[in-house]
Each structure stands twice: as structure tokens, then as C-alpha cells.
Amino acid sequence: MTEPAAPAAPNPSVETLRKIRAAETEAEERVAAARRLAEETLKRLKEETESVLAAARAEAEGERVHTVEEARARADREAAAIVADGERQAARLGSGDSIPSDRRAGILAAVLGDLGSK
């Protein structure tokens, strides 16, 4: 009888191909993991950026409102001062106090001339 043939040694080319395929699979898994990590990081950074921008917009709006309110208050004070000054001048002109009394007599004498003495 013939003896069974000894198991053939694995072909070195087949073994090399298996190693290459295993390395490719491992590399693909690492790339996929890195891609997921990058996408998660990008998403987190985008959310953080949007949050920071929203806070900055809210702060800027608050500062704008405050600045506008200050400008309005300043304009109201200036307008009140102008009106008060105009009222003082109108009152002074209406009472005749704008011309000193010693000059007023001289002006009246010059304008009225002889009519003022009769």
C-alpha cells in the first residue's frame, strides 16, 4: 500500500498574500477610526464655534443697546439744555433785561428825542 502524502507546506506566496490582506484590513480599520474621530472632532468644534459666536452676538447686541441708550440720554440732556437756554434768553428779552438800564435810558432818549421830554 501507498503511504498517504504528507501535507503540503503552505505556499509562501499564499502566506504573503494573507499577511498583506491582514495589513490592508488593519490599515483600513485605522483609517476608518481616524476618519470617525476627525468627523466627531470637527462636529464638536463646529458646535463650540457656533456657541461662542452666539454668545458674542448677544454680547455685541447688549453693548449696542447700551451705547444707543447712552447716546439718546446724552442727546436728551443736550436738547433740554438748549431748550432751557432758549427759554432763559426769551424770558430775558421779554423782560427788557437784555439791555442794562443806564444804556436803555440813553437809547430811549436818542430814539424818542424831544418826544420823550414832553
PDB file of N, CA and C in Angstrom:
ATOM      1  N   MET A   1       0.774  -1.163   0.000  1.00  0.00           N
ATOM      2  CA  MET A   1       0.000   0.000   0.000  1.00  0.00           C
ATOM      3  C   MET A   1       0.834   1.253   0.000  1.00  0.00           C
ATOM      4  N   THR A   2       0.229   2.265  -0.472  1.00  0.00           N
ATOM      5  CA  THR A   2       0.982   3.507  -0.557  1.00  0.00           C
ATOM      6  C   THR A   2       0.681   4.376   0.671  1.00  0.00           C
ATOM      7  N   GLU A   3       1.663   5.006   1.016  1.00  0.00           N
ATOM      8  CA  GLU A   3       1.508   5.893   2.177  1.00  0.00           C
ATOM      9  C   GLU A   3       0.850   7.200   1.762  1.00  0.00           C
ATOM     10  N   PRO A   4       0.019   7.711   2.701  1.00  0.00           N
ATOM     11  CA  PRO A   4      -0.611   8.986   2.350  1.00  0.00           C
ATOM     12  C   PRO A   4       0.450  10.064   2.194  1.00  0.00           C
ATOM     13  N   ALA A   5       0.159  10.950   1.316  1.00  0.00           N
ATOM     14  CA  ALA A   5       1.116  12.017   1.033  1.00  0.00           C
ATOM     15  C   ALA A   5       1.149  12.981   2.223  1.00  0.00           C
ATOM     16  N   ALA A   6       2.331  13.403   2.504  1.00  0.00           N
ATOM     17  CA  ALA A   6       2.489  14.363   3.609  1.00  0.00           C
ATOM     18  C   ALA A   6       1.803  15.672   3.237  1.00  0.00           C
ATOM     19  N   PRO A   7       1.204  16.324   4.241  1.00  0.00           N
ATOM     20  CA  PRO A   7       0.543  17.586   3.912  1.00  0.00           C
ATOM     21  C   PRO A   7       1.545  18.541   3.286  1.00  0.00           C
ATOM     22  N   ALA A   8       1.086  19.187   2.276  1.00  0.00           N
ATOM     23  CA  ALA A   8       1.959  20.097   1.549  1.00  0.00           C
ATOM     24  C   ALA A   8       2.196  21.352   2.395  1.00  0.00           C
ATOM     25  N   ALA A   9       3.378  21.827   2.343  1.00  0.00           N
ATOM     26  CA  ALA A   9       3.712  23.056   3.063  1.00  0.00           C
ATOM     27  C   ALA A   9       2.979  24.215   2.399  1.00  0.00           C
ATOM     28  N   PRO A  10       2.509  25.143   3.227  1.00  0.00           N
ATOM     29  CA  PRO A  10       1.799  26.263   2.622  1.00  0.00           C
ATOM     30  C   PRO A  10       2.695  27.011   1.651  1.00  0.00           C
ATOM     31  N   ASN A  11       2.083  27.416   0.602  1.00  0.00           N
ATOM     32  CA  ASN A  11       2.793  28.138  -0.436  1.00  0.00           C
ATOM     33  C   ASN A  11       3.200  29.502   0.144  1.00  0.00           C
ATOM     34  N   PRO A  12       4.473  29.862   0.033  1.00  0.00           N
ATOM     35  CA  PRO A  12       4.908  31.143   0.589  1.00  0.00           C
ATOM     36  C   PRO A  12       4.188  32.325  -0.057  1.00  0.00           C
ATOM     37  N   SER A  13       3.805  32.227  -1.286  1.00  0.00           N
ATOM     38  CA  SER A  13       3.092  33.322  -1.940  1.00  0.00           C
ATOM     39  C   SER A  13       1.710  33.510  -1.318  1.00  0.00           C
ATOM     40  N   VAL A  14       1.028  32.409  -1.016  1.00  0.00           N
ATOM     41  CA  VAL A  14      -0.302  32.485  -0.410  1.00  0.00           C
ATOM     42  C   VAL A  14      -0.189  33.084   0.989  1.00  0.00           C
ATOM     43  N   GLU A  15       0.822  32.653   1.728  1.00  0.00           N
ATOM     44  CA  GLU A  15       1.026  33.180   3.084  1.00  0.00           C
ATOM     45  C   GLU A  15       1.333  34.680   3.029  1.00  0.00           C
ATOM     46  N   THR A  16       2.110  35.103   2.085  1.00  0.00           N
ATOM     47  CA  THR A  16       2.430  36.526   1.920  1.00  0.00           C
ATOM     48  C   THR A  16       1.168  37.315   1.584  1.00  0.00           C
ATOM     49  N   LEU A  17       0.335  36.752   0.712  1.00  0.00           N
ATOM     50  CA  LEU A  17      -0.927  37.432   0.363  1.00  0.00           C
ATOM     51  C   LEU A  17      -1.836  37.565   1.579  1.00  0.00           C
ATOM     52  N   ARG A  18      -1.876  36.522   2.425  1.00  0.00           N
ATOM     53  CA  ARG A  18      -2.688  36.603   3.643  1.00  0.00           C
ATOM     54  C   ARG A  18      -2.175  37.712   4.562  1.00  0.00           C
ATOM     55  N   LYS A  19      -0.882  37.827   4.700  1.00  0.00           N
ATOM     56  CA  LYS A  19      -0.297  38.870   5.544  1.00  0.00           C
ATOM     57  C   LYS A  19      -0.615  40.260   4.983  1.00  0.00           C
ATOM     58  N   ILE A  20      -0.506  40.372   3.664  1.00  0.00           N
ATOM     59  CA  ILE A  20      -0.815  41.661   3.012  1.00  0.00           C
ATOM     60  C   ILE A  20      -2.273  42.026   3.244  1.00  0.00           C
ATOM     61  N   ARG A  21      -3.165  41.058   3.070  1.00  0.00           N
ATOM     62  CA  ARG A  21      -4.600  41.307   3.256  1.00  0.00           C
ATOM     63  C   ARG A  21      -4.894  41.700   4.710  1.00  0.00           C
ATOM     64  N   ALA A  22      -4.248  41.037   5.652  1.00  0.00           N
ATOM     65  CA  ALA A  22      -4.440  41.374   7.066  1.00  0.00           C
ATOM     66  C   ALA A  22      -3.936  42.793   7.346  1.00  0.00           C
ATOM     67  N   ALA A  23      -2.799  43.162   6.761  1.00  0.00           N
ATOM     68  CA  ALA A  23      -2.259  44.509   6.943  1.00  0.00           C
ATOM     69  C   ALA A  23      -3.181  45.542   6.313  1.00  0.00           C
ATOM     70  N   GLU A  24      -3.735  45.220   5.137  1.00  0.00           N
ATOM     71  CA  GLU A  24      -4.675  46.143   4.481  1.00  0.00           C
ATOM     72  C   GLU A  24      -5.924  46.332   5.335  1.00  0.00           C
ATOM     73  N   THR A  25      -6.452  45.237   5.862  1.00  0.00           N
ATOM     74  CA  THR A  25      -7.653  45.313   6.699  1.00  0.00           C
ATOM     75  C   THR A  25      -7.376  46.154   7.941  1.00  0.00           C
ATOM     76  N   GLU A  26      -6.253  45.913   8.567  1.00  0.00           N
ATOM     77  CA  GLU A  26      -5.883  46.688   9.757  1.00  0.00           C
ATOM     78  C   GLU A  26      -5.730  48.174   9.411  1.00  0.00           C
ATOM     79  N   ALA A  27      -5.090  48.473   8.287  1.00  0.00           N
ATOM     80  CA  ALA A  27      -4.906  49.862   7.865  1.00  0.00           C
ATOM     81  C   ALA A  27      -6.253  50.512   7.577  1.00  0.00           C
ATOM     82  N   GLU A  28      -7.162  49.789   6.908  1.00  0.00           N
ATOM     83  CA  GLU A  28      -8.493  50.330   6.614  1.00  0.00           C
ATOM     84  C   GLU A  28      -9.258  50.616   7.902  1.00  0.00           C
ATOM     85  N   GLU A  29      -9.117  49.732   8.891  1.00  0.00           N
ATOM     86  CA  GLU A  29      -9.784  49.952  10.176  1.00  0.00           C
ATOM     87  C   GLU A  29      -9.224  51.184  10.889  1.00  0.00           C
ATOM     88  N   ARG A  30      -7.908  51.349  10.842  1.00  0.00           N
ATOM     89  CA  ARG A  30      -7.282  52.534  11.463  1.00  0.00           C
ATOM     90  C   ARG A  30      -7.717  53.805  10.750  1.00  0.00           C
ATOM     91  N   VAL A  31      -7.776  53.781   9.417  1.00  0.00           N
ATOM     92  CA  VAL A  31      -8.213  54.957   8.646  1.00  0.00           C
ATOM     93  C   VAL A  31      -9.667  55.287   8.978  1.00  0.00           C
ATOM     94  N   ALA A  32     -10.522  54.266   9.047  1.00  0.00           N
ATOM     95  CA  ALA A  32     -11.936  54.489   9.377  1.00  0.00           C
ATOM     96  C   ALA A  32     -12.067  55.072  10.780  1.00  0.00           C
ATOM     97  N   ALA A  33     -11.299  54.559  11.737  1.00  0.00           N
ATOM     98  CA  ALA A  33     -11.334  55.078  13.110  1.00  0.00           C
ATOM     99  C   ALA A  33     -10.848  56.529  13.145  1.00  0.00           C
ATOM    100  N   ALA A  34      -9.782  56.806  12.420  1.00  0.00           N
ATOM    101  CA  ALA A  34      -9.258  58.177  12.369  1.00  0.00           C
ATOM    102  C   ALA A  34     -10.271  59.110  11.712  1.00  0.00           C
ATOM    103  N   ARG A  35     -10.953  58.623  10.666  1.00  0.00           N
ATOM    104  CA  ARG A  35     -11.965  59.431   9.985  1.00  0.00           C
ATOM    105  C   ARG A  35     -13.118  59.740  10.944  1.00  0.00           C
ATOM    106  N   ARG A  36     -13.584  58.719  11.695  1.00  0.00           N
ATOM    107  CA  ARG A  36     -14.667  58.939  12.658  1.00  0.00           C
ATOM    108  C   ARG A  36     -14.249  59.950  13.724  1.00  0.00           C
ATOM    109  N   LEU A  37     -13.033  59.796  14.214  1.00  0.00           N
ATOM    110  CA  LEU A  37     -12.521  60.718  15.228  1.00  0.00           C
ATOM    111  C   LEU A  37     -12.446  62.142  14.677  1.00  0.00           C
ATOM    112  N   ALA A  38     -11.953  62.284  13.452  1.00  0.00           N
ATOM    113  CA  ALA A  38     -11.857  63.605  12.828  1.00  0.00           C
ATOM    114  C   ALA A  38     -13.240  64.209  12.632  1.00  0.00           C
ATOM    115  N   GLU A  39     -14.209  63.404  12.196  1.00  0.00           N
ATOM    116  CA  GLU A  39     -15.570  63.909  11.997  1.00  0.00           C
ATOM    117  C   GLU A  39     -16.200  64.324  13.321  1.00  0.00           C
ATOM    118  N   GLU A  40     -15.984  63.533  14.369  1.00  0.00           N
ATOM    119  CA  GLU A  40     -16.510  63.878  15.685  1.00  0.00           C
ATOM    120  C   GLU A  40     -15.871  65.153  16.217  1.00  0.00           C
ATOM    121  N   THR A  41     -14.565  65.258  16.033  1.00  0.00           N
ATOM    122  CA  THR A  41     -13.846  66.462  16.475  1.00  0.00           C
ATOM    123  C   THR A  41     -14.334  67.680  15.709  1.00  0.00           C
ATOM    124  N   LEU A  42     -14.482  67.539  14.414  1.00  0.00           N
ATOM    125  CA  LEU A  42     -14.968  68.636  13.583  1.00  0.00           C
ATOM    126  C   LEU A  42     -16.373  69.062  14.015  1.00  0.00           C
ATOM    127  N   LYS A  43     -17.238  68.099  14.266  1.00  0.00           N
ATOM    128  CA  LYS A  43     -18.601  68.398  14.705  1.00  0.00           C
ATOM    129  C   LYS A  43     -18.587  69.122  16.048  1.00  0.00           C
ATOM    130  N   ARG A  44     -17.763  68.651  16.984  1.00  0.00           N
ATOM    131  CA  ARG A  44     -17.674  69.286  18.302  1.00  0.00           C
ATOM    132  C   ARG A  44     -17.141  70.710  18.182  1.00  0.00           C
ATOM    133  N   LEU A  45     -16.100  70.891  17.372  1.00  0.00           N
ATOM    134  CA  LEU A  45     -15.535  72.228  17.193  1.00  0.00           C
ATOM    135  C   LEU A  45     -16.526  73.170  16.531  1.00  0.00           C
ATOM    136  N   LYS A  46     -17.294  72.663  15.586  1.00  0.00           N
ATOM    137  CA  LYS A  46     -18.304  73.483  14.924  1.00  0.00           C
ATOM    138  C   LYS A  46     -19.363  73.918  15.929  1.00  0.00           C
ATOM    139  N   GLU A  47     -19.811  72.992  16.775  1.00  0.00           N
ATOM    140  CA  GLU A  47     -20.806  73.336  17.794  1.00  0.00           C
ATOM    141  C   GLU A  47     -20.257  74.352  18.784  1.00  0.00           C
ATOM    142  N   GLU A  48     -18.997  74.164  19.204  1.00  0.00           N
ATOM    143  CA  GLU A  48     -18.371  75.116  20.122  1.00  0.00           C
ATOM    144  C   GLU A  48     -18.258  76.490  19.475  1.00  0.00           C
ATOM    145  N   THR A  49     -17.870  76.519  18.206  1.00  0.00           N
ATOM    146  CA  THR A  49     -17.738  77.787  17.493  1.00  0.00           C
ATOM    147  C   THR A  49     -19.081  78.485  17.387  1.00  0.00           C
ATOM    148  N   GLU A  50     -20.128  77.732  17.054  1.00  0.00           N
ATOM    149  CA  GLU A  50     -21.460  78.326  16.957  1.00  0.00           C
ATOM    150  C   GLU A  50     -21.911  78.863  18.304  1.00  0.00           C
ATOM    151  N   SER A  51     -21.589  78.165  19.365  1.00  0.00           N
ATOM    152  CA  SER A  51     -21.941  78.610  20.711  1.00  0.00           C
ATOM    153  C   SER A  51     -21.210  79.905  21.068  1.00  0.00           C
ATOM    154  N   VAL A  52     -19.919  79.940  20.764  1.00  0.00           N
ATOM    155  CA  VAL A  52     -19.127  81.142  21.049  1.00  0.00           C
ATOM    156  C   VAL A  52     -19.636  82.321  20.219  1.00  0.00           C
ATOM    157  N   LEU A  53     -19.943  82.066  18.947  1.00  0.00           N
ATOM    158  CA  LEU A  53     -20.459  83.141  18.090  1.00  0.00           C
ATOM    159  C   LEU A  53     -21.801  83.653  18.589  1.00  0.00           C
ATOM    160  N   ALA A  54     -22.666  82.762  19.028  1.00  0.00           N
ATOM    161  CA  ALA A  54     -23.969  83.184  19.548  1.00  0.00           C
ATOM    162  C   ALA A  54     -23.780  84.040  20.794  1.00  0.00           C
ATOM    163  N   ALA A  55     -22.873  83.649  21.667  1.00  0.00           N
ATOM    164  CA  ALA A  55     -22.610  84.440  22.874  1.00  0.00           C
ATOM    165  C   ALA A  55     -22.021  85.800  22.514  1.00  0.00           C
ATOM    166  N   ALA A  56     -21.116  85.826  21.543  1.00  0.00           N
ATOM    167  CA  ALA A  56     -20.511  87.094  21.122  1.00  0.00           C
ATOM    168  C   ALA A  56     -21.551  88.008  20.486  1.00  0.00           C
ATOM    169  N   ARG A  57     -22.461  87.423  19.690  1.00  0.00           N
ATOM    170  CA  ARG A  57     -23.525  88.237  19.087  1.00  0.00           C
ATOM    171  C   ARG A  57     -24.421  88.835  20.160  1.00  0.00           C
ATOM    172  N   ALA A  58     -24.774  88.022  21.150  1.00  0.00           N
ATOM    173  CA  ALA A  58     -25.631  88.507  22.234  1.00  0.00           C
ATOM    174  C   ALA A  58     -24.933  89.620  23.010  1.00  0.00           C
ATOM    175  N   GLU A  59     -23.650  89.447  23.284  1.00  0.00           N
ATOM    176  CA  GLU A  59     -22.899  90.479  23.999  1.00  0.00           C
ATOM    177  C   GLU A  59     -22.801  91.761  23.166  1.00  0.00           C
ATOM    178  N   ALA A  60     -22.531  91.612  21.879  1.00  0.00           N
ATOM    179  CA  ALA A  60     -22.434  92.783  20.997  1.00  0.00           C
ATOM    180  C   ALA A  60     -23.773  93.516  20.928  1.00  0.00           C
ATOM    181  N   GLU A  61     -24.863  92.768  20.855  1.00  0.00           N
ATOM    182  CA  GLU A  61     -26.193  93.391  20.821  1.00  0.00           C
ATOM    183  C   GLU A  61     -26.449  94.148  22.116  1.00  0.00           C
ATOM    184  N   GLY A  62     -26.068  93.560  23.247  1.00  0.00           N
ATOM    185  CA  GLY A  62     -26.228  94.236  24.530  1.00  0.00           C
ATOM    186  C   GLY A  62     -25.423  95.527  24.593  1.00  0.00           C
ATOM    187  N   GLU A  63     -24.196  95.470  24.104  1.00  0.00           N
ATOM    188  CA  GLU A  63     -23.357  96.671  24.081  1.00  0.00           C
ATOM    189  C   GLU A  63     -23.936  97.717  23.139  1.00  0.00           C
ATOM    190  N   ARG A  64     -24.467  97.278  21.999  1.00  0.00           N
ATOM    191  CA  ARG A  64     -25.067  98.218  21.054  1.00  0.00           C
ATOM    192  C   ARG A  64     -26.270  98.908  21.682  1.00  0.00           C
ATOM    193  N   VAL A  65     -27.108  98.141  22.350  1.00  0.00           N
ATOM    194  CA  VAL A  65     -28.292  98.716  23.005  1.00  0.00           C
ATOM    195  C   VAL A  65     -27.856  99.708  24.067  1.00  0.00           C
ATOM    196  N   HIS A  66     -26.847  99.339  24.850  1.00  0.00           N
ATOM    197  CA  HIS A  66     -26.356 100.230  25.905  1.00  0.00           C
ATOM    198  C   HIS A  66     -25.805 101.525  25.304  1.00  0.00           C
ATOM    199  N   THR A  67     -25.050 101.408  24.221  1.00  0.00           N
ATOM    200  CA  THR A  67     -24.475 102.587  23.566  1.00  0.00           C
ATOM    201  C   THR A  67     -25.574 103.493  23.011  1.00  0.00           C
ATOM    202  N   VAL A  68     -26.585 102.894  22.394  1.00  0.00           N
ATOM    203  CA  VAL A  68     -27.699 103.676  21.847  1.00  0.00           C
ATOM    204  C   VAL A  68     -28.446 104.387  22.980  1.00  0.00           C
ATOM    205  N   GLU A  69     -28.666 103.680  24.086  1.00  0.00           N
ATOM    206  CA  GLU A  69     -29.360 104.304  25.221  1.00  0.00           C
ATOM    207  C   GLU A  69     -28.558 105.462  25.785  1.00  0.00           C
ATOM    208  N   GLU A  70     -27.238 105.289  25.897  1.00  0.00           N
ATOM    209  CA  GLU A  70     -26.391 106.387  26.372  1.00  0.00           C
ATOM    210  C   GLU A  70     -26.441 107.573  25.419  1.00  0.00           C
ATOM    211  N   ALA A  71     -26.391 107.307  24.125  1.00  0.00           N
ATOM    212  CA  ALA A  71     -26.440 108.392  23.134  1.00  0.00           C
ATOM    213  C   ALA A  71     -27.777 109.131  23.207  1.00  0.00           C
ATOM    214  N   ARG A  72     -28.864 108.369  23.373  1.00  0.00           N
ATOM    215  CA  ARG A  72     -30.181 109.005  23.500  1.00  0.00           C
ATOM    216  C   ARG A  72     -30.250 109.875  24.744  1.00  0.00           C
ATOM    217  N   ALA A  73     -29.742 109.357  25.867  1.00  0.00           N
ATOM    218  CA  ALA A  73     -29.760 110.130  27.109  1.00  0.00           C
ATOM    219  C   ALA A  73     -28.928 111.404  26.960  1.00  0.00           C
ATOM    220  N   ARG A  74     -27.755 111.274  26.326  1.00  0.00           N
ATOM    221  CA  ARG A  74     -26.897 112.443  26.107  1.00  0.00           C
ATOM    222  C   ARG A  74     -27.603 113.457  25.201  1.00  0.00           C
ATOM    223  N   ALA A  75     -28.250 112.981  24.146  1.00  0.00           N
ATOM    224  CA  ALA A  75     -28.971 113.878  23.237  1.00  0.00           C
ATOM    225  C   ALA A  75     -30.139 114.541  23.957  1.00  0.00           C
ATOM    226  N   ASP A  76     -30.833 113.792  24.808  1.00  0.00           N
ATOM    227  CA  ASP A  76     -31.938 114.379  25.581  1.00  0.00           C
ATOM    228  C   ASP A  76     -31.426 115.464  26.523  1.00  0.00           C
ATOM    229  N   ARG A  77     -30.280 115.206  27.189  1.00  0.00           N
ATOM    230  CA  ARG A  77     -29.711 116.229  28.086  1.00  0.00           C
ATOM    231  C   ARG A  77     -29.312 117.474  27.304  1.00  0.00           C
ATOM    232  N   GLU A  78     -28.671 117.263  26.140  1.00  0.00           N
ATOM    233  CA  GLU A  78     -28.264 118.412  25.317  1.00  0.00           C
ATOM    234  C   GLU A  78     -29.484 119.194  24.833  1.00  0.00           C
ATOM    235  N   ALA A  79     -30.514 118.482  24.407  1.00  0.00           N
ATOM    236  CA  ALA A  79     -31.730 119.149  23.950  1.00  0.00           C
ATOM    237  C   ALA A  79     -32.384 119.917  25.083  1.00  0.00           C
ATOM    238  N   ALA A  80     -32.436 119.334  26.263  1.00  0.00           N
ATOM    239  CA  ALA A  80     -33.025 120.025  27.423  1.00  0.00           C
ATOM    240  C   ALA A  80     -32.223 121.273  27.764  1.00  0.00           C
ATOM    241  N   ALA A  81     -30.893 121.187  27.671  1.00  0.00           N
ATOM    242  CA  ALA A  81     -30.050 122.358  27.946  1.00  0.00           C
ATOM    243  C   ALA A  81     -30.289 123.449  26.910  1.00  0.00           C
ATOM    244  N   ILE A  82     -30.425 123.049  25.646  1.00  0.00           N
ATOM    245  CA  ILE A  82     -30.677 124.040  24.583  1.00  0.00           C
ATOM    246  C   ILE A  82     -32.028 124.705  24.791  1.00  0.00           C
ATOM    247  N   VAL A  83     -33.044 123.919  25.115  1.00  0.00           N
ATOM    248  CA  VAL A  83     -34.378 124.473  25.345  1.00  0.00           C
ATOM    249  C   VAL A  83     -34.359 125.406  26.553  1.00  0.00           C
ATOM    250  N   ALA A  84     -33.700 124.981  27.624  1.00  0.00           N
ATOM    251  CA  ALA A  84     -33.632 125.823  28.829  1.00  0.00           C
ATOM    252  C   ALA A  84     -32.910 127.127  28.528  1.00  0.00           C
ATOM    253  N   ASP A  85     -31.819 127.048  27.765  1.00  0.00           N
ATOM    254  CA  ASP A  85     -31.081 128.259  27.405  1.00  0.00           C
ATOM    255  C   ASP A  85     -31.953 129.176  26.545  1.00  0.00           C
ATOM    256  N   GLY A  86     -32.667 128.588  25.600  1.00  0.00           N
ATOM    257  CA  GLY A  86     -33.568 129.396  24.761  1.00  0.00           C
ATOM    258  C   GLY A  86     -34.672 130.041  25.580  1.00  0.00           C
ATOM    259  N   GLU A  87     -35.221 129.312  26.531  1.00  0.00           N
ATOM    260  CA  GLU A  87     -36.263 129.885  27.390  1.00  0.00           C
ATOM    261  C   GLU A  87     -35.710 131.016  28.249  1.00  0.00           C
ATOM    262  N   ARG A  88     -34.479 130.843  28.770  1.00  0.00           N
ATOM    263  CA  ARG A  88     -33.858 131.924  29.561  1.00  0.00           C
ATOM    264  C   ARG A  88     -33.644 133.162  28.693  1.00  0.00           C
ATOM    265  N   GLN A  89     -33.148 132.960  27.475  1.00  0.00           N
ATOM    266  CA  GLN A  89     -32.924 134.098  26.586  1.00  0.00           C
ATOM    267  C   GLN A  89     -34.245 134.765  26.222  1.00  0.00           C
ATOM    268  N   ALA A  90     -35.274 133.969  25.954  1.00  0.00           N
ATOM    269  CA  ALA A  90     -36.577 134.547  25.609  1.00  0.00           C
ATOM    270  C   ALA A  90     -37.143 135.321  26.782  1.00  0.00           C
ATOM    271  N   ALA A  91     -37.001 134.794  27.979  1.00  0.00           N
ATOM    272  CA  ALA A  91     -37.501 135.496  29.159  1.00  0.00           C
ATOM    273  C   ALA A  91     -36.736 136.788  29.373  1.00  0.00           C
ATOM    274  N   ARG A  92     -35.431 136.736  29.169  1.00  0.00           N
ATOM    275  CA  ARG A  92     -34.611 137.933  29.356  1.00  0.00           C
ATOM    276  C   ARG A  92     -34.978 138.990  28.310  1.00  0.00           C
ATOM    277  N   LEU A  93     -35.162 138.585  27.066  1.00  0.00           N
ATOM    278  CA  LEU A  93     -35.522 139.535  26.016  1.00  0.00           C
ATOM    279  C   LEU A  93     -36.925 140.093  26.250  1.00  0.00           C
ATOM    280  N   GLY A  94     -37.811 139.265  26.749  1.00  0.00           N
ATOM    281  CA  GLY A  94     -39.174 139.710  27.004  1.00  0.00           C
ATOM    282  C   GLY A  94     -39.268 140.689  28.159  1.00  0.00           C
ATOM    283  N   SER A  95     -38.381 140.579  29.115  1.00  0.00           N
ATOM    284  CA  SER A  95     -38.438 141.468  30.280  1.00  0.00           C
ATOM    285  C   SER A  95     -37.652 142.736  30.050  1.00  0.00           C
ATOM    286  N   GLY A  96     -36.887 142.801  28.997  1.00  0.00           N
ATOM    287  CA  GLY A  96     -36.106 144.000  28.717  1.00  0.00           C
ATOM    288  C   GLY A  96     -34.801 144.028  29.483  1.00  0.00           C
ATOM    289  N   ASP A  97     -34.463 142.941  30.149  1.00  0.00           N
ATOM    290  CA  ASP A  97     -33.230 142.892  30.930  1.00  0.00           C
ATOM    291  C   ASP A  97     -32.001 142.687  30.072  1.00  0.00           C
ATOM    292  N   SER A  98     -32.190 142.508  28.791  1.00  0.00           N
ATOM    293  CA  SER A  98     -31.038 142.268  27.938  1.00  0.00           C
ATOM    294  C   SER A  98     -30.214 143.540  27.754  1.00  0.00           C
ATOM    295  N   ILE A  99     -30.825 144.686  27.978  1.00  0.00           N
ATOM    296  CA  ILE A  99     -30.101 145.962  27.851  1.00  0.00           C
ATOM    297  C   ILE A  99     -29.991 146.563  29.255  1.00  0.00           C
ATOM    298  N   PRO A 100     -28.787 146.880  29.685  1.00  0.00           N
ATOM    299  CA  PRO A 100     -28.624 147.484  31.007  1.00  0.00           C
ATOM    300  C   PRO A 100     -29.441 148.791  31.114  1.00  0.00           C
ATOM    301  N   SER A 101     -29.906 149.081  32.295  1.00  0.00           N
ATOM    302  CA  SER A 101     -30.809 150.220  32.487  1.00  0.00           C
ATOM    303  C   SER A 101     -30.163 151.556  32.128  1.00  0.00           C
ATOM    304  N   ASP A 102     -28.872 151.765  32.401  1.00  0.00           N
ATOM    305  CA  ASP A 102     -28.221 153.037  32.060  1.00  0.00           C
ATOM    306  C   ASP A 102     -28.156 153.236  30.550  1.00  0.00           C
ATOM    307  N   ARG A 103     -27.949 152.141  29.815  1.00  0.00           N
ATOM    308  CA  ARG A 103     -27.924 152.246  28.352  1.00  0.00           C
ATOM    309  C   ARG A 103     -29.332 152.392  27.804  1.00  0.00           C
ATOM    310  N   ARG A 104     -30.308 151.762  28.453  1.00  0.00           N
ATOM    311  CA  ARG A 104     -31.689 151.822  27.976  1.00  0.00           C
ATOM    312  C   ARG A 104     -32.187 153.281  27.967  1.00  0.00           C
ATOM    313  N   ALA A 105     -31.867 154.018  29.001  1.00  0.00           N
ATOM    314  CA  ALA A 105     -32.292 155.420  29.078  1.00  0.00           C
ATOM    315  C   ALA A 105     -31.668 156.224  27.936  1.00  0.00           C
ATOM    316  N   GLY A 106     -30.406 155.998  27.667  1.00  0.00           N
ATOM    317  CA  GLY A 106     -29.722 156.709  26.588  1.00  0.00           C
ATOM    318  C   GLY A 106     -30.316 156.358  25.236  1.00  0.00           C
ATOM    319  N   ILE A 107     -30.627 155.077  25.016  1.00  0.00           N
ATOM    320  CA  ILE A 107     -31.205 154.637  23.754  1.00  0.00           C
ATOM    321  C   ILE A 107     -32.592 155.238  23.572  1.00  0.00           C
ATOM    322  N   LEU A 108     -33.402 155.214  24.627  1.00  0.00           N
ATOM    323  CA  LEU A 108     -34.744 155.795  24.544  1.00  0.00           C
ATOM    324  C   LEU A 108     -34.683 157.302  24.256  1.00  0.00           C
ATOM    325  N   ALA A 109     -33.736 157.963  24.889  1.00  0.00           N
ATOM    326  CA  ALA A 109     -33.583 159.397  24.656  1.00  0.00           C
ATOM    327  C   ALA A 109     -33.183 159.672  23.215  1.00  0.00           C
ATOM    328  N   ALA A 110     -32.292 158.862  22.699  1.00  0.00           N
ATOM    329  CA  ALA A 110     -31.852 159.067  21.330  1.00  0.00           C
ATOM    330  C   ALA A 110     -32.968 158.771  20.334  1.00  0.00           C
ATOM    331  N   VAL A 111     -33.749 157.716  20.591  1.00  0.00           N
ATOM    332  CA  VAL A 111     -34.793 157.348  19.666  1.00  0.00           C
ATOM    333  C   VAL A 111     -35.961 158.311  19.766  1.00  0.00           C
ATOM    334  N   LEU A 112     -36.374 158.598  20.964  1.00  0.00           N
ATOM    335  CA  LEU A 112     -37.560 159.443  21.135  1.00  0.00           C
ATOM    336  C   LEU A 112     -37.232 160.934  20.990  1.00  0.00           C
ATOM    337  N   GLY A 113     -36.006 161.267  21.261  1.00  0.00           N
ATOM    338  CA  GLY A 113     -35.577 162.657  21.114  1.00  0.00           C
ATOM    339  C   GLY A 113     -36.414 163.579  22.004  1.00  0.00           C
ATOM    340  N   ASP A 114     -36.953 164.600  21.393  1.00  0.00           N
ATOM    341  CA  ASP A 114     -37.730 165.585  22.131  1.00  0.00           C
ATOM    342  C   ASP A 114     -39.089 165.050  22.560  1.00  0.00           C
ATOM    343  N   LEU A 115     -39.553 163.995  21.948  1.00  0.00           N
ATOM    344  CA  LEU A 115     -40.873 163.450  22.302  1.00  0.00           C
ATOM    345  C   LEU A 115     -40.878 162.889  23.721  1.00  0.00           C
ATOM    346  N   GLY A 116     -39.768 162.371  24.162  1.00  0.00           N
ATOM    347  CA  GLY A 116     -39.694 161.765  25.486  1.00  0.00           C
ATOM    348  C   GLY A 116     -39.775 162.810  26.586  1.00  0.00           C
ATOM    349  N   SER A 117     -39.415 164.067  26.328  1.00  0.00           N
ATOM    350  CA  SER A 117     -39.403 165.076  27.373  1.00  0.00           C
ATOM    351  C   SER A 117     -40.725 165.786  27.493  1.00  0.00           C
ATOM    352  N   LYS A 118     -41.579 165.730  26.551  1.00  0.00           N
ATOM    353  CA  LYS A 118     -42.858 166.464  26.587  1.00  0.00           C
ATOM    354  C   LYS A 118     -43.874 165.740  27.312  1.00  0.00           C
TER     355      LYS A 118
END
